[in-house]
Amino acid sequence: NDRTQLAECAAIMRDRINNQHMLNGVTIIDPTTTWIDAEVIIEPDVVIYPSSAISGKSIIKSAAIIGPRTTLVDCEVAEEASVIESFATKSKIGEGAKVGPYAYLRKGSLLDNESKVGAFVEIKNSTIGKGSKVAHLSYVGDVQIGQESNIGAATVFVNYDGENKHQTKIGDQVRIGSDTMLVA
């Protein structure tokens, strides 16, 4: 087959997959720009906005909001969570958690219920506790953050010393100021 025929086949499969999800109660605002792998599980009452892609073994629970312009690869998104204009891979997003816009969740990111990861935040191999917030412009790598803590803007967790990665632990109800470097 040529590339045109392969694109036509992909569009047919996209439409079949999206149609089945919509028949099962998922709202897909623009099915022509939404790409979902066949093995993805999406519960009823999820809303998916345009230009989103969900792939791998992703699971999206009821009443979650995905997109616009969001990519999820092998992710779990719990009930009533939202992931807006962001990229996430091999991550778990808890109930009522909010991600984005423009967040990057790398492998091993665990966001507890009601947590928030905001604009231009990168999370890698870290746990964000229940109700904790990393609102904007931060790098969070190899970190455990407790419950109800707030990480100020432009905070960087310095986890690599040139040879080894190190972990940082932040307790419950901690406030970290803006423009802070935390060296593990």
Protein backbone atom coordinates (compact mmCIF):
# COMPACT_ATOMS: atom_id res chain seq x y z
CA ASN A 1 0.00 0.00 0.00
CA ASP A 2 1.05 3.58 -0.52
CA ARG A 3 0.99 6.26 2.19
CA THR A 4 -2.36 7.62 1.01
CA GLN A 5 -4.03 4.23 1.39
CA LEU A 6 -2.47 3.73 4.83
CA ALA A 7 -3.76 7.14 5.94
CA GLU A 8 -7.25 6.26 4.66
CA CYS A 9 -7.17 2.98 6.63
CA ALA A 10 -6.00 4.79 9.77
CA ALA A 11 -8.87 7.28 9.45
CA ILE A 12 -11.38 4.43 9.09
CA MET A 13 -10.03 2.74 12.24
CA ARG A 14 -9.97 6.08 14.12
CA ASP A 15 -13.62 6.65 13.24
CA ARG A 16 -14.64 3.12 14.28
CA ILE A 17 -12.86 3.38 17.64
CA ASN A 18 -14.19 6.87 18.37
CA ASN A 19 -17.72 5.87 17.33
CA GLN A 20 -17.68 2.92 19.74
CA HIS A 21 -16.54 5.16 22.62
CA MET A 22 -19.25 7.70 21.81
CA LEU A 23 -21.90 4.95 21.72
CA ASN A 24 -20.63 3.95 25.20
CA GLY A 25 -21.23 7.46 26.57
CA VAL A 26 -17.93 9.28 25.93
CA THR A 27 -18.19 12.82 24.54
CA ILE A 28 -15.63 13.43 21.80
CA ILE A 29 -15.97 17.05 20.71
CA ASP A 30 -14.16 16.59 17.37
CA PRO A 31 -13.79 12.92 16.40
CA THR A 32 -11.76 13.77 13.28
CA THR A 33 -8.87 15.19 15.35
CA THR A 34 -9.05 12.70 18.24
CA TRP A 35 -6.92 9.56 18.05
CA ILE A 36 -7.51 6.69 20.51
CA ASP A 37 -5.76 3.31 20.42
CA ALA A 38 -7.95 0.21 20.30
CA GLU A 39 -6.79 -1.04 23.73
CA VAL A 40 -7.54 2.21 25.60
CA ILE A 41 -10.33 1.98 28.19
CA ILE A 42 -12.58 5.03 28.62
CA GLU A 43 -15.56 5.08 30.98
CA PRO A 44 -18.84 6.92 30.25
CA ASP A 45 -19.18 10.68 30.84
CA VAL A 46 -15.57 11.46 29.91
CA VAL A 47 -15.16 14.54 27.69
CA ILE A 48 -12.34 14.60 25.14
CA TYR A 49 -11.57 17.91 23.45
CA PRO A 50 -10.05 18.32 19.95
CA SER A 51 -6.54 17.35 18.88
CA SER A 52 -6.03 14.81 21.66
CA ALA A 53 -4.34 11.40 21.41
CA ILE A 54 -4.72 8.57 23.93
CA SER A 55 -2.61 5.48 23.42
CA GLY A 56 -1.14 2.35 24.95
CA LYS A 57 -2.78 0.89 28.03
CA SER A 58 -4.36 4.16 29.13
CA ILE A 59 -7.47 4.09 31.34
CA ILE A 60 -9.70 7.15 31.68
CA LYS A 61 -12.32 7.08 34.46
CA SER A 62 -15.77 8.65 34.46
CA ALA A 63 -16.23 12.44 34.36
CA ALA A 64 -12.59 13.12 33.46
CA ILE A 65 -11.77 15.90 31.01
CA ILE A 66 -9.02 15.38 28.45
CA GLY A 67 -7.71 18.10 26.14
CA PRO A 68 -7.70 20.02 24.01
CA ARG A 69 -4.29 19.19 22.55
CA THR A 70 -3.39 16.50 25.07
CA THR A 71 -1.38 13.32 24.61
CA LEU A 72 -1.62 10.44 27.08
CA VAL A 73 0.52 7.31 26.71
CA ASP A 74 0.01 4.42 29.16
CA CYS A 75 -1.66 6.70 31.73
CA GLU A 76 -4.39 6.28 34.32
CA VAL A 77 -6.70 9.24 34.83
CA ALA A 78 -9.14 8.97 37.76
CA GLU A 79 -12.68 10.28 38.12
CA GLU A 80 -13.23 14.02 37.65
CA ALA A 81 -9.57 14.70 36.86
CA SER A 82 -8.64 17.07 34.05
CA VAL A 83 -5.61 17.05 31.76
CA ILE A 84 -5.54 20.15 29.56
CA GLU A 85 -3.00 20.90 26.79
CA SER A 86 -0.41 18.56 28.27
CA PHE A 87 1.74 15.50 27.55
CA ALA A 88 1.88 12.53 29.95
CA THR A 89 3.45 9.10 29.75
CA LYS A 90 3.29 6.20 32.22
CA SER A 91 1.70 8.40 34.88
CA LYS A 92 -1.22 8.16 37.31
CA ILE A 93 -3.50 11.14 37.86
CA GLY A 94 -5.75 10.98 40.91
CA GLU A 95 -9.39 11.80 41.42
CA GLY A 96 -10.15 15.48 40.93
CA ALA A 97 -6.52 16.29 40.07
CA LYS A 98 -5.82 19.08 37.61
CA VAL A 99 -2.99 19.00 35.06
CA GLY A 100 -2.02 21.77 32.68
CA PRO A 101 -1.97 23.66 30.58
CA TYR A 102 1.44 22.82 29.14
CA ALA A 103 2.50 20.29 31.77
CA TYR A 104 4.83 17.37 31.05
CA LEU A 105 4.36 14.24 33.17
CA ARG A 106 7.14 11.73 32.61
CA LYS A 107 7.34 8.08 33.61
CA GLY A 108 6.62 7.47 37.28
CA SER A 109 4.59 10.61 37.95
CA LEU A 110 1.92 9.93 40.58
CA LEU A 111 -0.56 12.70 41.31
CA ASP A 112 -2.77 12.05 44.32
CA ASN A 113 -6.38 13.15 44.57
CA GLU A 114 -7.11 16.89 44.22
CA SER A 115 -3.49 17.74 43.42
CA LYS A 116 -2.53 20.33 40.82
CA VAL A 117 0.29 20.47 38.29
CA GLY A 118 0.09 23.68 36.31
CA ALA A 119 1.62 25.57 33.43
CA PHE A 120 5.12 24.69 32.28
CA VAL A 121 5.73 22.12 35.03
CA GLU A 122 7.72 18.94 34.38
CA ILE A 123 7.27 16.00 36.76
CA LYS A 124 9.44 12.86 36.64
CA ASN A 125 9.42 9.82 38.92
CA SER A 126 7.69 11.79 41.68
CA THR A 127 4.65 11.66 43.94
CA ILE A 128 2.53 14.75 44.48
CA GLY A 129 0.42 14.28 47.63
CA LYS A 130 -3.29 14.84 48.09
CA GLY A 131 -4.21 18.50 47.61
CA SER A 132 -0.63 19.59 46.91
CA LYS A 133 0.14 22.10 44.17
CA VAL A 134 3.00 22.70 41.78
CA ALA A 135 1.32 25.55 39.93
CA HIS A 136 3.86 26.77 37.38
CA LEU A 137 7.34 26.94 35.88
CA SER A 138 8.96 24.15 37.91
CA TYR A 139 10.93 20.91 37.54
CA VAL A 140 10.05 18.14 40.00
CA GLY A 141 12.27 15.07 39.58
CA ASP A 142 12.69 12.19 42.05
CA VAL A 143 10.55 13.89 44.72
CA GLN A 144 7.98 12.86 47.30
CA ILE A 145 5.66 15.73 48.24
CA GLY A 146 3.24 15.24 51.13
CA GLN A 147 -0.34 16.44 51.43
CA GLU A 148 -1.58 20.03 51.09
CA SER A 149 1.87 21.44 50.25
CA ASN A 150 2.53 24.29 47.82
CA ILE A 151 5.59 24.52 45.60
CA GLY A 152 6.27 28.11 44.45
CA ALA A 153 6.90 29.20 40.88
CA ALA A 154 10.26 28.42 39.27
CA THR A 155 11.22 25.82 41.86
CA VAL A 156 13.75 23.22 40.72
CA PHE A 157 14.45 19.97 42.53
CA VAL A 158 18.11 19.37 41.75
CA ASN A 159 18.20 15.58 41.69
CA TYR A 160 21.34 14.80 39.67
CA ASP A 161 24.89 15.45 40.88
CA GLY A 162 26.60 14.48 37.63
CA GLU A 163 26.85 10.79 38.57
CA ASN A 164 23.79 9.77 40.58
CA LYS A 165 20.14 10.70 41.01
CA HIS A 166 18.95 11.60 44.52
CA GLN A 167 15.48 11.90 46.05
CA THR A 168 13.99 14.88 47.87
CA LYS A 169 11.19 14.55 50.42
CA ILE A 170 8.77 17.36 51.25
CA GLY A 171 6.33 16.85 54.14
CA ASP A 172 2.68 17.79 54.62
CA GLN A 173 1.50 21.42 54.56
CA VAL A 174 4.89 22.77 53.45
CA ARG A 175 5.23 26.08 51.58
CA ILE A 176 8.21 26.46 49.24
CA GLY A 177 8.82 30.01 47.96
CA SER A 178 9.34 31.03 44.36
CA ASP A 179 12.63 30.65 42.50
CA THR A 180 14.02 28.01 44.85
CA MET A 181 16.62 25.32 44.13
CA LEU A 182 16.32 22.26 46.38
CA VAL A 183 19.50 20.16 46.23
CA ALA A 184 18.97 16.54 47.26
